[in-house]
Structures are given as C-alpha cells and as structure tokens.
PDB file of N, CA and C in Angstrom:
ATOM      1  N   MET A   1     109.918  93.466 126.504  1.00  0.00           N
ATOM      2  CA  MET A   1     108.617  93.881 125.950  1.00  0.00           C
ATOM      3  C   MET A   1     108.049  95.160 126.841  1.00  0.00           C
ATOM      4  N   GLY A   2     108.599  95.466 128.136  1.00  0.00           N
ATOM      5  CA  GLY A   2     108.183  96.377 128.828  1.00  0.00           C
ATOM      6  C   GLY A   2     107.826  97.804 128.181  1.00  0.00           C
ATOM      7  N   ASN A   3     108.734  98.312 127.414  1.00  0.00           N
ATOM      8  CA  ASN A   3     108.418  99.644 126.796  1.00  0.00           C
ATOM      9  C   ASN A   3     107.780  99.620 125.420  1.00  0.00           C
ATOM     10  N   GLU A   4     107.450  98.504 124.952  1.00  0.00           N
ATOM     11  CA  GLU A   4     106.925  98.319 123.585  1.00  0.00           C
ATOM     12  C   GLU A   4     105.667  99.048 123.565  1.00  0.00           C
ATOM     13  N   GLY A   5     105.513  99.939 122.560  1.00  0.00           N
ATOM     14  CA  GLY A   5     104.301 100.713 122.331  1.00  0.00           C
ATOM     15  C   GLY A   5     104.168 101.949 123.209  1.00  0.00           C
ATOM     16  N   SER A   6     105.014 102.092 124.177  1.00  0.00           N
ATOM     17  CA  SER A   6     104.971 103.272 125.084  1.00  0.00           C
ATOM     18  C   SER A   6     105.902 104.457 124.510  1.00  0.00           C
ATOM     19  N   ILE A   7     105.690 105.577 125.025  1.00  0.00           N
ATOM     20  CA  ILE A   7     106.423 106.693 124.454  1.00  0.00           C
ATOM     21  C   ILE A   7     107.317 107.195 125.612  1.00  0.00           C
ATOM     22  N   VAL A   8     108.709 107.243 125.159  1.00  0.00           N
ATOM     23  CA  VAL A   8     109.819 107.640 126.243  1.00  0.00           C
ATOM     24  C   VAL A   8     110.467 108.833 125.542  1.00  0.00           C
ATOM     25  N   GLN A   9     111.050 109.418 126.592  1.00  0.00           N
ATOM     26  CA  GLN A   9     111.861 110.624 126.178  1.00  0.00           C
ATOM     27  C   GLN A   9     113.194 110.142 125.419  1.00  0.00           C
ATOM     28  N   ASP A  10     113.516 110.901 124.403  1.00  0.00           N
ATOM     29  CA  ASP A  10     114.804 110.721 123.598  1.00  0.00           C
ATOM     30  C   ASP A  10     115.878 110.918 124.535  1.00  0.00           C
ATOM     31  N   PRO A  11     116.780 109.993 124.969  1.00  0.00           N
ATOM     32  CA  PRO A  11     117.943 110.347 125.873  1.00  0.00           C
ATOM     33  C   PRO A  11     119.019 111.320 125.377  1.00  0.00           C
ATOM     34  N   SER A  12     119.029 111.508 123.962  1.00  0.00           N
ATOM     35  CA  SER A  12     120.000 112.451 123.504  1.00  0.00           C
ATOM     36  C   SER A  12     119.619 113.764 123.533  1.00  0.00           C
ATOM     37  N   ARG A  13     118.252 114.096 123.762  1.00  0.00           N
ATOM     38  CA  ARG A  13     117.593 115.327 123.916  1.00  0.00           C
ATOM     39  C   ARG A  13     118.043 116.111 125.254  1.00  0.00           C
ATOM     40  N   PRO A  14     118.419 117.348 125.381  1.00  0.00           N
ATOM     41  CA  PRO A  14     118.724 118.020 126.588  1.00  0.00           C
ATOM     42  C   PRO A  14     117.615 118.124 127.488  1.00  0.00           C
ATOM     43  N   ARG A  15     117.734 117.922 128.742  1.00  0.00           N
ATOM     44  CA  ARG A  15     116.528 118.199 129.739  1.00  0.00           C
ATOM     45  C   ARG A  15     116.268 119.497 129.933  1.00  0.00           C
ATOM     46  N   GLY A  16     114.980 119.775 130.307  1.00  0.00           N
ATOM     47  CA  GLY A  16     114.502 121.025 130.536  1.00  0.00           C
ATOM     48  C   GLY A  16     115.261 121.725 131.709  1.00  0.00           C
ATOM     49  N   THR A  17     114.910 123.035 132.126  1.00  0.00           N
ATOM     50  CA  THR A  17     115.440 123.758 133.129  1.00  0.00           C
ATOM     51  C   THR A  17     115.241 123.045 134.603  1.00  0.00           C
ATOM     52  N   GLY A  18     113.991 122.308 134.709  1.00  0.00           N
ATOM     53  CA  GLY A  18     113.685 121.784 135.927  1.00  0.00           C
ATOM     54  C   GLY A  18     114.420 120.472 136.404  1.00  0.00           C
ATOM     55  N   GLY A  19     115.536 120.169 135.532  1.00  0.00           N
ATOM     56  CA  GLY A  19     116.425 119.150 135.989  1.00  0.00           C
ATOM     57  C   GLY A  19     115.678 117.819 135.644  1.00  0.00           C
ATOM     58  N   SER A  20     114.454 117.526 135.970  1.00  0.00           N
ATOM     59  CA  SER A  20     113.793 116.227 135.767  1.00  0.00           C
ATOM     60  C   SER A  20     112.883 116.295 134.515  1.00  0.00           C
ATOM     61  N   GLU A  21     112.622 117.523 134.046  1.00  0.00           N
ATOM     62  CA  GLU A  21     111.750 117.724 133.036  1.00  0.00           C
ATOM     63  C   GLU A  21     112.354 117.720 131.685  1.00  0.00           C
ATOM     64  N   PRO A  22     111.846 116.911 130.726  1.00  0.00           N
ATOM     65  CA  PRO A  22     112.523 116.851 129.340  1.00  0.00           C
ATOM     66  C   PRO A  22     112.175 118.103 128.645  1.00  0.00           C
ATOM     67  N   ALA A  23     113.207 118.349 127.676  1.00  0.00           N
ATOM     68  CA  ALA A  23     112.982 119.451 126.769  1.00  0.00           C
ATOM     69  C   ALA A  23     111.751 119.320 126.055  1.00  0.00           C
ATOM     70  N   PRO A  24     110.943 120.383 125.484  1.00  0.00           N
ATOM     71  CA  PRO A  24     109.801 120.352 124.670  1.00  0.00           C
ATOM     72  C   PRO A  24     110.266 119.761 123.420  1.00  0.00           C
ATOM     73  N   LEU A  25     109.395 118.884 122.815  1.00  0.00           N
ATOM     74  CA  LEU A  25     109.437 118.304 121.539  1.00  0.00           C
ATOM     75  C   LEU A  25     108.900 119.347 120.441  1.00  0.00           C
ATOM     76  N   PRO A  26     109.238 119.022 119.179  1.00  0.00           N
ATOM     77  CA  PRO A  26     108.664 120.007 118.120  1.00  0.00           C
ATOM     78  C   PRO A  26     107.107 119.891 118.169  1.00  0.00           C
ATOM     79  N   SER A  27     106.421 120.904 117.567  1.00  0.00           N
ATOM     80  CA  SER A  27     105.076 120.908 117.425  1.00  0.00           C
ATOM     81  C   SER A  27     104.526 119.692 116.630  1.00  0.00           C
ATOM     82  N   GLY A  28     103.505 119.007 117.048  1.00  0.00           N
ATOM     83  CA  GLY A  28     102.902 117.803 116.456  1.00  0.00           C
ATOM     84  C   GLY A  28     103.707 116.583 116.756  1.00  0.00           C
ATOM     85  N   VAL A  29     104.865 116.670 117.505  1.00  0.00           N
ATOM     86  CA  VAL A  29     105.485 115.451 118.043  1.00  0.00           C
ATOM     87  C   VAL A  29     105.194 115.144 119.360  1.00  0.00           C
ATOM     88  N   LEU A  30     104.626 114.024 119.693  1.00  0.00           N
ATOM     89  CA  LEU A  30     104.337 113.693 121.024  1.00  0.00           C
ATOM     90  C   LEU A  30     105.501 113.068 121.902  1.00  0.00           C
ATOM     91  N   GLY A  31     106.407 112.350 121.088  1.00  0.00           N
ATOM     92  CA  GLY A  31     107.379 111.676 121.792  1.00  0.00           C
ATOM     93  C   GLY A  31     108.102 110.855 120.863  1.00  0.00           C
ATOM     94  N   THR A  32     109.118 110.054 121.210  1.00  0.00           N
ATOM     95  CA  THR A  32     109.757 109.090 120.489  1.00  0.00           C
ATOM     96  C   THR A  32     109.504 107.707 121.100  1.00  0.00           C
ATOM     97  N   LYS A  33     109.413 106.705 120.051  1.00  0.00           N
ATOM     98  CA  LYS A  33     109.279 105.235 120.572  1.00  0.00           C
ATOM     99  C   LYS A  33     110.873 104.958 120.967  1.00  0.00           C
ATOM    100  N   PRO A  34     110.971 103.679 121.744  1.00  0.00           N
ATOM    101  CA  PRO A  34     112.009 103.206 121.977  1.00  0.00           C
ATOM    102  C   PRO A  34     113.029 102.996 120.916  1.00  0.00           C
ATOM    103  N   SER A  35     112.628 102.884 119.616  1.00  0.00           N
ATOM    104  CA  SER A  35     113.441 102.643 118.448  1.00  0.00           C
ATOM    105  C   SER A  35     114.081 103.838 118.084  1.00  0.00           C
ATOM    106  N   GLY A  36     113.576 105.046 118.525  1.00  0.00           N
ATOM    107  CA  GLY A  36     114.092 106.340 118.019  1.00  0.00           C
ATOM    108  C   GLY A  36     113.181 107.057 117.112  1.00  0.00           C
ATOM    109  N   ARG A  37     112.182 106.272 116.568  1.00  0.00           N
ATOM    110  CA  ARG A  37     111.201 106.742 115.622  1.00  0.00           C
ATOM    111  C   ARG A  37     110.259 107.876 116.232  1.00  0.00           C
ATOM    112  N   VAL A  38     109.904 108.835 115.644  1.00  0.00           N
ATOM    113  CA  VAL A  38     109.058 109.820 116.087  1.00  0.00           C
ATOM    114  C   VAL A  38     107.600 109.413 116.019  1.00  0.00           C
ATOM    115  N   HIS A  39     106.930 109.683 116.990  1.00  0.00           N
ATOM    116  CA  HIS A  39     105.448 109.079 117.287  1.00  0.00           C
ATOM    117  C   HIS A  39     104.659 110.380 117.032  1.00  0.00           C
ATOM    118  N   ALA A  40     103.943 110.518 115.886  1.00  0.00           N
ATOM    119  CA  ALA A  40     103.222 111.672 115.445  1.00  0.00           C
ATOM    120  C   ALA A  40     101.845 111.100 114.860  1.00  0.00           C
ATOM    121  N   PRO A  41     100.862 111.015 115.593  1.00  0.00           N
ATOM    122  CA  PRO A  41      99.536 110.077 115.035  1.00  0.00           C
ATOM    123  C   PRO A  41      98.880 110.828 113.987  1.00  0.00           C
ATOM    124  N   GLU A  42      99.071 112.212 113.774  1.00  0.00           N
ATOM    125  CA  GLU A  42      98.457 112.898 112.710  1.00  0.00           C
ATOM    126  C   GLU A  42      99.059 112.299 111.330  1.00  0.00           C
ATOM    127  N   LEU A  43     100.130 111.932 111.458  1.00  0.00           N
ATOM    128  CA  LEU A  43     100.797 111.440 110.151  1.00  0.00           C
ATOM    129  C   LEU A  43     100.170 110.141 109.682  1.00  0.00           C
ATOM    130  N   LEU A  44      99.533 109.370 110.581  1.00  0.00           N
ATOM    131  CA  LEU A  44      98.972 108.077 110.273  1.00  0.00           C
ATOM    132  C   LEU A  44      97.471 108.235 109.955  1.00  0.00           C
ATOM    133  N   SER A  45      96.880 109.338 110.514  1.00  0.00           N
ATOM    134  CA  SER A  45      95.601 109.580 110.446  1.00  0.00           C
ATOM    135  C   SER A  45      95.135 110.382 109.186  1.00  0.00           C
ATOM    136  N   GLY A  46      96.181 110.894 108.501  1.00  0.00           N
ATOM    137  CA  GLY A  46      95.864 111.817 107.427  1.00  0.00           C
ATOM    138  C   GLY A  46      95.298 113.203 107.813  1.00  0.00           C
ATOM    139  N   GLU A  47      95.512 113.646 108.998  1.00  0.00           N
ATOM    140  CA  GLU A  47      94.885 114.911 109.400  1.00  0.00           C
ATOM    141  C   GLU A  47      95.957 116.109 109.341  1.00  0.00           C
ATOM    142  N   LEU A  48      96.980 116.013 108.511  1.00  0.00           N
ATOM    143  CA  LEU A  48      97.960 116.995 108.537  1.00  0.00           C
ATOM    144  C   LEU A  48      97.367 118.233 107.862  1.00  0.00           C
ATOM    145  N   SER A  49      97.755 119.339 108.228  1.00  0.00           N
ATOM    146  CA  SER A  49      97.256 120.622 107.541  1.00  0.00           C
ATOM    147  C   SER A  49      98.258 121.041 106.517  1.00  0.00           C
ATOM    148  N   GLY A  50      99.261 120.177 106.012  1.00  0.00           N
ATOM    149  CA  GLY A  50     100.200 120.490 105.003  1.00  0.00           C
ATOM    150  C   GLY A  50      99.702 120.683 103.678  1.00  0.00           C
ATOM    151  N   ASN A  51     100.610 120.579 102.612  1.00  0.00           N
ATOM    152  CA  ASN A  51     100.192 120.900 101.339  1.00  0.00           C
ATOM    153  C   ASN A  51      99.998 119.411 100.560  1.00  0.00           C
ATOM    154  N   THR A  52      99.316 119.639  99.458  1.00  0.00           N
ATOM    155  CA  THR A  52      99.008 118.449  98.723  1.00  0.00           C
ATOM    156  C   THR A  52      99.847 118.637  97.524  1.00  0.00           C
ATOM    157  N   VAL A  53     100.002 117.634  96.654  1.00  0.00           N
ATOM    158  CA  VAL A  53     100.867 117.650  95.364  1.00  0.00           C
ATOM    159  C   VAL A  53     100.369 118.538  94.613  1.00  0.00           C
ATOM    160  N   GLY A  54     101.253 119.244  94.115  1.00  0.00           N
ATOM    161  CA  GLY A  54     101.047 120.446  93.198  1.00  0.00           C
ATOM    162  C   GLY A  54     100.761 121.763  93.665  1.00  0.00           C
ATOM    163  N   GLU A  55     100.625 121.817  95.060  1.00  0.00           N
ATOM    164  CA  GLU A  55     100.314 123.101  95.756  1.00  0.00           C
ATOM    165  C   GLU A  55     101.374 123.641  96.200  1.00  0.00           C
ATOM    166  N   PRO A  56     101.788 125.060  95.901  1.00  0.00           N
ATOM    167  CA  PRO A  56     103.189 125.452  96.303  1.00  0.00           C
ATOM    168  C   PRO A  56     103.140 125.388  97.973  1.00  0.00           C
ATOM    169  N   ALA A  57     104.224 125.143  98.568  1.00  0.00           N
ATOM    170  CA  ALA A  57     104.300 125.107 100.071  1.00  0.00           C
ATOM    171  C   ALA A  57     104.306 126.303 100.859  1.00  0.00           C
ATOM    172  N   LEU A  58     104.977 127.410 100.222  1.00  0.00           N
ATOM    173  CA  LEU A  58     105.030 128.666 101.050  1.00  0.00           C
ATOM    174  C   LEU A  58     105.108 129.950 100.215  1.00  0.00           C
ATOM    175  N   ALA A  59     104.810 131.057 100.527  1.00  0.00           N
ATOM    176  CA  ALA A  59     104.926 132.362  99.904  1.00  0.00           C
ATOM    177  C   ALA A  59     106.508 132.477  99.827  1.00  0.00           C
ATOM    178  N   ASP A  60     107.299 132.205 100.820  1.00  0.00           N
ATOM    179  CA  ASP A  60     108.639 132.524 100.825  1.00  0.00           C
ATOM    180  C   ASP A  60     109.430 131.316 101.236  1.00  0.00           C
ATOM    181  N   PRO A  61     109.691 130.419 100.308  1.00  0.00           N
ATOM    182  CA  PRO A  61     110.363 129.250 100.552  1.00  0.00           C
ATOM    183  C   PRO A  61     111.783 129.550 100.602  1.00  0.00           C
ATOM    184  N   ILE A  62     112.639 128.708 101.252  1.00  0.00           N
ATOM    185  CA  ILE A  62     114.199 128.914 101.421  1.00  0.00           C
ATOM    186  C   ILE A  62     114.779 127.938 100.146  1.00  0.00           C
ATOM    187  N   PHE A  63     113.909 127.033  99.673  1.00  0.00           N
ATOM    188  CA  PHE A  63     114.382 126.313  98.515  1.00  0.00           C
ATOM    189  C   PHE A  63     113.155 126.005  97.642  1.00  0.00           C
ATOM    190  N   SER A  64     113.482 126.199  96.247  1.00  0.00           N
ATOM    191  CA  SER A  64     112.386 125.928  95.270  1.00  0.00           C
ATOM    192  C   SER A  64     113.063 125.357  94.019  1.00  0.00           C
ATOM    193  N   CYS A  65     112.157 124.377  93.440  1.00  0.00           N
ATOM    194  CA  CYS A  65     112.520 124.046  92.031  1.00  0.00           C
ATOM    195  C   CYS A  65     111.249 124.026  91.292  1.00  0.00           C
ATOM    196  N   ARG A  66     111.492 124.462  90.000  1.00  0.00           N
ATOM    197  CA  ARG A  66     110.254 124.623  89.051  1.00  0.00           C
ATOM    198  C   ARG A  66     110.344 123.894  87.852  1.00  0.00           C
ATOM    199  N   SER A  67     109.545 123.107  87.494  1.00  0.00           N
ATOM    200  CA  SER A  67     109.469 122.503  86.208  1.00  0.00           C
ATOM    201  C   SER A  67     110.841 121.720  85.821  1.00  0.00           C
ATOM    202  N   LEU A  68     111.299 121.088  86.955  1.00  0.00           N
ATOM    203  CA  LEU A  68     112.660 120.384  86.762  1.00  0.00           C
ATOM    204  C   LEU A  68     112.530 119.025  85.998  1.00  0.00           C
ATOM    205  N   SER A  69     113.275 118.829  85.067  1.00  0.00           N
ATOM    206  CA  SER A  69     113.251 117.623  84.114  1.00  0.00           C
ATOM    207  C   SER A  69     114.705 117.214  83.825  1.00  0.00           C
ATOM    208  N   VAL A  70     114.957 115.915  83.780  1.00  0.00           N
ATOM    209  CA  VAL A  70     116.320 115.371  83.643  1.00  0.00           C
ATOM    210  C   VAL A  70     116.205 114.241  82.673  1.00  0.00           C
ATOM    211  N   HIS A  71     117.114 114.402  81.577  1.00  0.00           N
ATOM    212  CA  HIS A  71     117.226 113.477  80.539  1.00  0.00           C
ATOM    213  C   HIS A  71     118.762 112.902  80.648  1.00  0.00           C
ATOM    214  N   TYR A  72     118.804 111.584  80.376  1.00  0.00           N
ATOM    215  CA  TYR A  72     120.091 110.938  80.213  1.00  0.00           C
ATOM    216  C   TYR A  72     120.022 110.429  78.759  1.00  0.00           C
ATOM    217  N   GLY A  73     120.411 111.086  77.858  1.00  0.00           N
ATOM    218  CA  GLY A  73     120.249 110.800  76.386  1.00  0.00           C
ATOM    219  C   GLY A  73     118.911 110.877  76.046  1.00  0.00           C
ATOM    220  N   ALA A  74     118.347 109.617  75.607  1.00  0.00           N
ATOM    221  CA  ALA A  74     116.968 109.712  75.158  1.00  0.00           C
ATOM    222  C   ALA A  74     115.958 109.329  76.465  1.00  0.00           C
ATOM    223  N   ILE A  75     116.547 109.012  77.574  1.00  0.00           N
ATOM    224  CA  ILE A  75     115.787 108.337  78.653  1.00  0.00           C
ATOM    225  C   ILE A  75     115.405 109.469  79.595  1.00  0.00           C
ATOM    226  N   GLN A  76     114.169 109.684  79.794  1.00  0.00           N
ATOM    227  CA  GLN A  76     113.756 110.888  80.785  1.00  0.00           C
ATOM    228  C   GLN A  76     113.727 110.338  82.191  1.00  0.00           C
ATOM    229  N   ALA A  77     114.603 110.722  83.030  1.00  0.00           N
ATOM    230  CA  ALA A  77     114.564 110.368  84.443  1.00  0.00           C
ATOM    231  C   ALA A  77     113.611 111.109  85.304  1.00  0.00           C
ATOM    232  N   LEU A  78     113.579 112.419  85.120  1.00  0.00           N
ATOM    233  CA  LEU A  78     112.612 113.140  85.835  1.00  0.00           C
ATOM    234  C   LEU A  78     111.665 114.084  84.924  1.00  0.00           C
ATOM    235  N   ARG A  79     110.343 114.376  85.317  1.00  0.00           N
ATOM    236  CA  ARG A  79     109.705 115.149  84.536  1.00  0.00           C
ATOM    237  C   ARG A  79     108.868 116.162  85.334  1.00  0.00           C
ATOM    238  N   ASP A  80     109.036 117.528  84.939  1.00  0.00           N
ATOM    239  CA  ASP A  80     108.327 118.481  85.511  1.00  0.00           C
ATOM    240  C   ASP A  80     108.109 118.448  86.892  1.00  0.00           C
ATOM    241  N   VAL A  81     109.341 118.349  87.707  1.00  0.00           N
ATOM    242  CA  VAL A  81     109.094 118.344  89.318  1.00  0.00           C
ATOM    243  C   VAL A  81     109.181 119.716  89.750  1.00  0.00           C
ATOM    244  N   THR A  82     107.963 120.217  90.510  1.00  0.00           N
ATOM    245  CA  THR A  82     108.129 121.321  91.169  1.00  0.00           C
ATOM    246  C   THR A  82     107.852 121.124  92.524  1.00  0.00           C
ATOM    247  N   LEU A  83     108.600 121.926  93.540  1.00  0.00           N
ATOM    248  CA  LEU A  83     108.770 121.634  95.026  1.00  0.00           C
ATOM    249  C   LEU A  83     109.166 122.982  95.632  1.00  0.00           C
ATOM    250  N   ASP A  84     108.597 123.178  96.769  1.00  0.00           N
ATOM    251  CA  ASP A  84     108.912 124.367  97.620  1.00  0.00           C
ATOM    252  C   ASP A  84     109.159 123.739  98.976  1.00  0.00           C
ATOM    253  N   VAL A  85     110.213 124.109  99.769  1.00  0.00           N
ATOM    254  CA  VAL A  85     110.659 123.772 100.985  1.00  0.00           C
ATOM    255  C   VAL A  85     110.810 125.096 101.837  1.00  0.00           C
ATOM    256  N   GLY A  86     110.074 125.162 103.008  1.00  0.00           N
ATOM    257  CA  GLY A  86     110.119 126.293 103.785  1.00  0.00           C
ATOM    258  C   GLY A  86     111.074 125.979 105.013  1.00  0.00           C
ATOM    259  N   ARG A  87     111.534 127.213 105.689  1.00  0.00           N
ATOM    260  CA  ARG A  87     112.438 127.116 106.920  1.00  0.00           C
ATOM    261  C   ARG A  87     111.957 126.198 107.887  1.00  0.00           C
ATOM    262  N   ALA A  88     112.676 125.286 108.422  1.00  0.00           N
ATOM    263  CA  ALA A  88     112.373 124.211 109.497  1.00  0.00           C
ATOM    264  C   ALA A  88     111.524 123.040 108.886  1.00  0.00           C
ATOM    265  N   GLN A  89     111.153 123.089 107.705  1.00  0.00           N
ATOM    266  CA  GLN A  89     110.484 122.046 106.985  1.00  0.00           C
ATOM    267  C   GLN A  89     111.438 120.821 106.911  1.00  0.00           C
ATOM    268  N   VAL A  90     111.161 119.443 107.002  1.00  0.00           N
ATOM    269  CA  VAL A  90     111.843 118.297 106.762  1.00  0.00           C
ATOM    270  C   VAL A  90     111.241 117.709 105.352  1.00  0.00           C
ATOM    271  N   LEU A  91     112.063 117.294 104.642  1.00  0.00           N
ATOM    272  CA  LEU A  91     111.791 116.675 103.395  1.00  0.00           C
ATOM    273  C   LEU A  91     112.444 115.264 103.150  1.00  0.00           C
ATOM    274  N   ALA A  92     111.737 114.321 103.103  1.00  0.00           N
ATOM    275  CA  ALA A  92     112.247 112.963 102.839  1.00  0.00           C
ATOM    276  C   ALA A  92     111.823 112.547 101.301  1.00  0.00           C
ATOM    277  N   CYS A  93     112.853 112.020 100.688  1.00  0.00           N
ATOM    278  CA  CYS A  93     112.680 111.488  99.294  1.00  0.00           C
ATOM    279  C   CYS A  93     112.522 109.969  99.426  1.00  0.00           C
ATOM    280  N   ILE A  94     111.284 109.485  99.302  1.00  0.00           N
ATOM    281  CA  ILE A  94     111.210 108.060  99.419  1.00  0.00           C
ATOM    282  C   ILE A  94     110.559 107.430  98.174  1.00  0.00           C
ATOM    283  N   GLY A  95     110.913 106.148  97.860  1.00  0.00           N
ATOM    284  CA  GLY A  95     110.216 105.687  96.662  1.00  0.00           C
ATOM    285  C   GLY A  95     111.082 104.461  96.243  1.00  0.00           C
ATOM    286  N   PRO A  96     110.580 103.576  95.374  1.00  0.00           N
ATOM    287  CA  PRO A  96     111.143 102.491  94.909  1.00  0.00           C
ATOM    288  C   PRO A  96     112.660 102.699  94.245  1.00  0.00           C
ATOM    289  N   SER A  97     113.309 101.605  93.966  1.00  0.00           N
ATOM    290  CA  SER A  97     114.569 101.914  93.238  1.00  0.00           C
ATOM    291  C   SER A  97     114.258 102.275  91.829  1.00  0.00           C
ATOM    292  N   GLY A  98     115.076 103.153  91.407  1.00  0.00           N
ATOM    293  CA  GLY A  98     114.778 103.676  89.990  1.00  0.00           C
ATOM    294  C   GLY A  98     113.854 104.682  89.815  1.00  0.00           C
ATOM    295  N   CYS A  99     113.230 105.268  90.835  1.00  0.00           N
ATOM    296  CA  CYS A  99     112.000 106.320  90.747  1.00  0.00           C
ATOM    297  C   CYS A  99     112.490 107.656  90.619  1.00  0.00           C
ATOM    298  N   GLY A 100     113.955 107.994  90.776  1.00  0.00           N
ATOM    299  CA  GLY A 100     114.332 109.262  90.622  1.00  0.00           C
ATOM    300  C   GLY A 100     114.888 109.999  91.753  1.00  0.00           C
ATOM    301  N   LYS A 101     114.859 109.258  92.865  1.00  0.00           N
ATOM    302  CA  LYS A 101     115.335 110.196  94.161  1.00  0.00           C
ATOM    303  C   LYS A 101     116.746 110.637  94.083  1.00  0.00           C
ATOM    304  N   SER A 102     117.641 109.745  93.673  1.00  0.00           N
ATOM    305  CA  SER A 102     119.139 110.164  93.503  1.00  0.00           C
ATOM    306  C   SER A 102     119.289 111.150  92.420  1.00  0.00           C
ATOM    307  N   THR A 103     118.651 110.976  91.418  1.00  0.00           N
ATOM    308  CA  THR A 103     118.569 111.983  90.130  1.00  0.00           C
ATOM    309  C   THR A 103     118.147 113.309  90.648  1.00  0.00           C
ATOM    310  N   PHE A 104     117.110 113.485  91.454  1.00  0.00           N
ATOM    311  CA  PHE A 104     116.592 114.643  91.900  1.00  0.00           C
ATOM    312  C   PHE A 104     117.723 115.378  92.863  1.00  0.00           C
ATOM    313  N   LEU A 105     118.226 114.538  93.706  1.00  0.00           N
ATOM    314  CA  LEU A 105     119.355 115.043  94.764  1.00  0.00           C
ATOM    315  C   LEU A 105     120.471 115.607  93.928  1.00  0.00           C
ATOM    316  N   ARG A 106     120.916 114.910  92.797  1.00  0.00           N
ATOM    317  CA  ARG A 106     122.131 115.222  92.149  1.00  0.00           C
ATOM    318  C   ARG A 106     121.931 116.597  91.317  1.00  0.00           C
ATOM    319  N   CYS A 107     120.697 116.841  91.166  1.00  0.00           N
ATOM    320  CA  CYS A 107     120.206 118.302  90.478  1.00  0.00           C
ATOM    321  C   CYS A 107     120.478 119.342  91.508  1.00  0.00           C
ATOM    322  N   LEU A 108     120.254 119.010  92.782  1.00  0.00           N
ATOM    323  CA  LEU A 108     120.347 120.162  93.735  1.00  0.00           C
ATOM    324  C   LEU A 108     121.786 120.550  93.922  1.00  0.00           C
ATOM    325  N   ASN A 109     122.790 119.524  93.937  1.00  0.00           N
ATOM    326  CA  ASN A 109     124.243 119.981  94.065  1.00  0.00           C
ATOM    327  C   ASN A 109     124.970 119.907  92.953  1.00  0.00           C
ATOM    328  N   ARG A 110     124.198 119.878  91.684  1.00  0.00           N
ATOM    329  CA  ARG A 110     124.730 120.165  90.179  1.00  0.00           C
ATOM    330  C   ARG A 110     125.609 118.931  89.909  1.00  0.00           C
ATOM    331  N   MET A 111     125.529 117.788  90.571  1.00  0.00           N
ATOM    332  CA  MET A 111     126.364 116.662  90.201  1.00  0.00           C
ATOM    333  C   MET A 111     125.831 116.181  88.665  1.00  0.00           C
ATOM    334  N   ASN A 112     124.686 116.360  88.339  1.00  0.00           N
ATOM    335  CA  ASN A 112     124.236 115.767  87.033  1.00  0.00           C
ATOM    336  C   ASN A 112     124.990 116.691  85.957  1.00  0.00           C
ATOM    337  N   ASP A 113     125.541 117.678  86.125  1.00  0.00           N
ATOM    338  CA  ASP A 113     126.437 118.477  85.379  1.00  0.00           C
ATOM    339  C   ASP A 113     127.545 117.861  84.798  1.00  0.00           C
ATOM    340  N   THR A 114     128.252 116.884  85.690  1.00  0.00           N
ATOM    341  CA  THR A 114     129.449 116.245  85.493  1.00  0.00           C
ATOM    342  C   THR A 114     129.157 114.911  84.559  1.00  0.00           C
ATOM    343  N   ILE A 115     127.874 114.596  84.505  1.00  0.00           N
ATOM    344  CA  ILE A 115     127.543 113.315  83.734  1.00  0.00           C
ATOM    345  C   ILE A 115     127.328 113.628  82.070  1.00  0.00           C
ATOM    346  N   VAL A 116     128.245 112.957  81.305  1.00  0.00           N
ATOM    347  CA  VAL A 116     128.255 113.100  79.986  1.00  0.00           C
ATOM    348  C   VAL A 116     126.732 112.627  79.307  1.00  0.00           C
ATOM    349  N   GLY A 117     126.036 113.579  78.663  1.00  0.00           N
ATOM    350  CA  GLY A 117     124.851 113.148  77.979  1.00  0.00           C
ATOM    351  C   GLY A 117     123.581 113.588  78.926  1.00  0.00           C
ATOM    352  N   ALA A 118     123.896 114.206  80.187  1.00  0.00           N
ATOM    353  CA  ALA A 118     122.775 114.480  80.981  1.00  0.00           C
ATOM    354  C   ALA A 118     122.308 115.888  80.695  1.00  0.00           C
ATOM    355  N   ARG A 119     121.026 116.116  80.628  1.00  0.00           N
ATOM    356  CA  ARG A 119     120.503 117.339  80.307  1.00  0.00           C
ATOM    357  C   ARG A 119     119.312 117.612  81.360  1.00  0.00           C
ATOM    358  N   VAL A 120     119.598 118.791  82.088  1.00  0.00           N
ATOM    359  CA  VAL A 120     118.688 119.400  83.054  1.00  0.00           C
ATOM    360  C   VAL A 120     118.086 120.504  82.598  1.00  0.00           C
ATOM    361  N   THR A 121     116.769 120.497  82.730  1.00  0.00           N
ATOM    362  CA  THR A 121     115.903 121.744  82.253  1.00  0.00           C
ATOM    363  C   THR A 121     115.041 122.243  83.758  1.00  0.00           C
ATOM    364  N   GLY A 122     114.676 123.474  83.638  1.00  0.00           N
ATOM    365  CA  GLY A 122     113.871 123.924  84.937  1.00  0.00           C
ATOM    366  C   GLY A 122     114.765 124.876  85.548  1.00  0.00           C
ATOM    367  N   THR A 123     114.239 125.256  86.804  1.00  0.00           N
ATOM    368  CA  THR A 123     114.741 126.299  87.671  1.00  0.00           C
ATOM    369  C   THR A 123     114.929 125.831  89.123  1.00  0.00           C
ATOM    370  N   ILE A 124     116.235 125.806  89.495  1.00  0.00           N
ATOM    371  CA  ILE A 124     116.358 125.583  90.968  1.00  0.00           C
ATOM    372  C   ILE A 124     116.816 126.885  91.704  1.00  0.00           C
ATOM    373  N   LEU A 125     116.207 127.257  92.743  1.00  0.00           N
ATOM    374  CA  LEU A 125     116.394 128.459  93.395  1.00  0.00           C
ATOM    375  C   LEU A 125     116.836 128.114  94.755  1.00  0.00           C
TER     376      LEU A 125
END
C-alpha cells in the first residue's frame, strides 16, 4: 500500500544531469503512478485547452483525414470522419467493440483496399 496514490518517477526515464534529478516530464504531466499510468489532473477536470469535436486541430497538421467514410457492401462502417493530428500529439482510438476503431486504422495503412466489397471515400493526407 505504501506508494498507492503517490507520484513516483518512471524508472525507465533517463535521469537528469544532476545524477539524482529525474529528467523533466512532458508539459502537463506531473509524474507517473506506480502502475505506469500518467497522472495529469487536467485530463480529469476537463480543463484542457485542446480541441473540441469538429474543430480542426492545427493549421499545419502532420496527418489529416477529411470526410472519411467506409462501406462494406451495404453496411456503412464509418461516416464522415475528419481529423487533424499535429507533431508530438498523441491520438488514442477508444470505444466499444464494433464502433469502427480498427476500420479507421485500416484506412490509414490502406488495408481496406485489400477487402473485397470495401469502399473508402474521403481524403487521407
């Protein structure tokens, strides 16, 4: 129980130049919990200054998709997905089984092109 709830330095991170000083964590991250999960209270409080659904992420993204839709025959798996990802941003695709996470990722590496009956529309940059 001793470390439960306390913040500890990730042992896999390199130490700073002072020998006992840990390397700085990314902006907005206070530390890691013993489980390895990142502790960032603003994620829980809803105080992020990030984007909202439907708002473009950046003026110069390193990855974009616009109006991406996927059909498998008569079944529509994705509808009108638009997304921008900037340099050093982290993207997590989460959701229940069958919501389209894998279908979306298969669009990025063009694996849907190998599926008979799959039709992908939209733009991936």
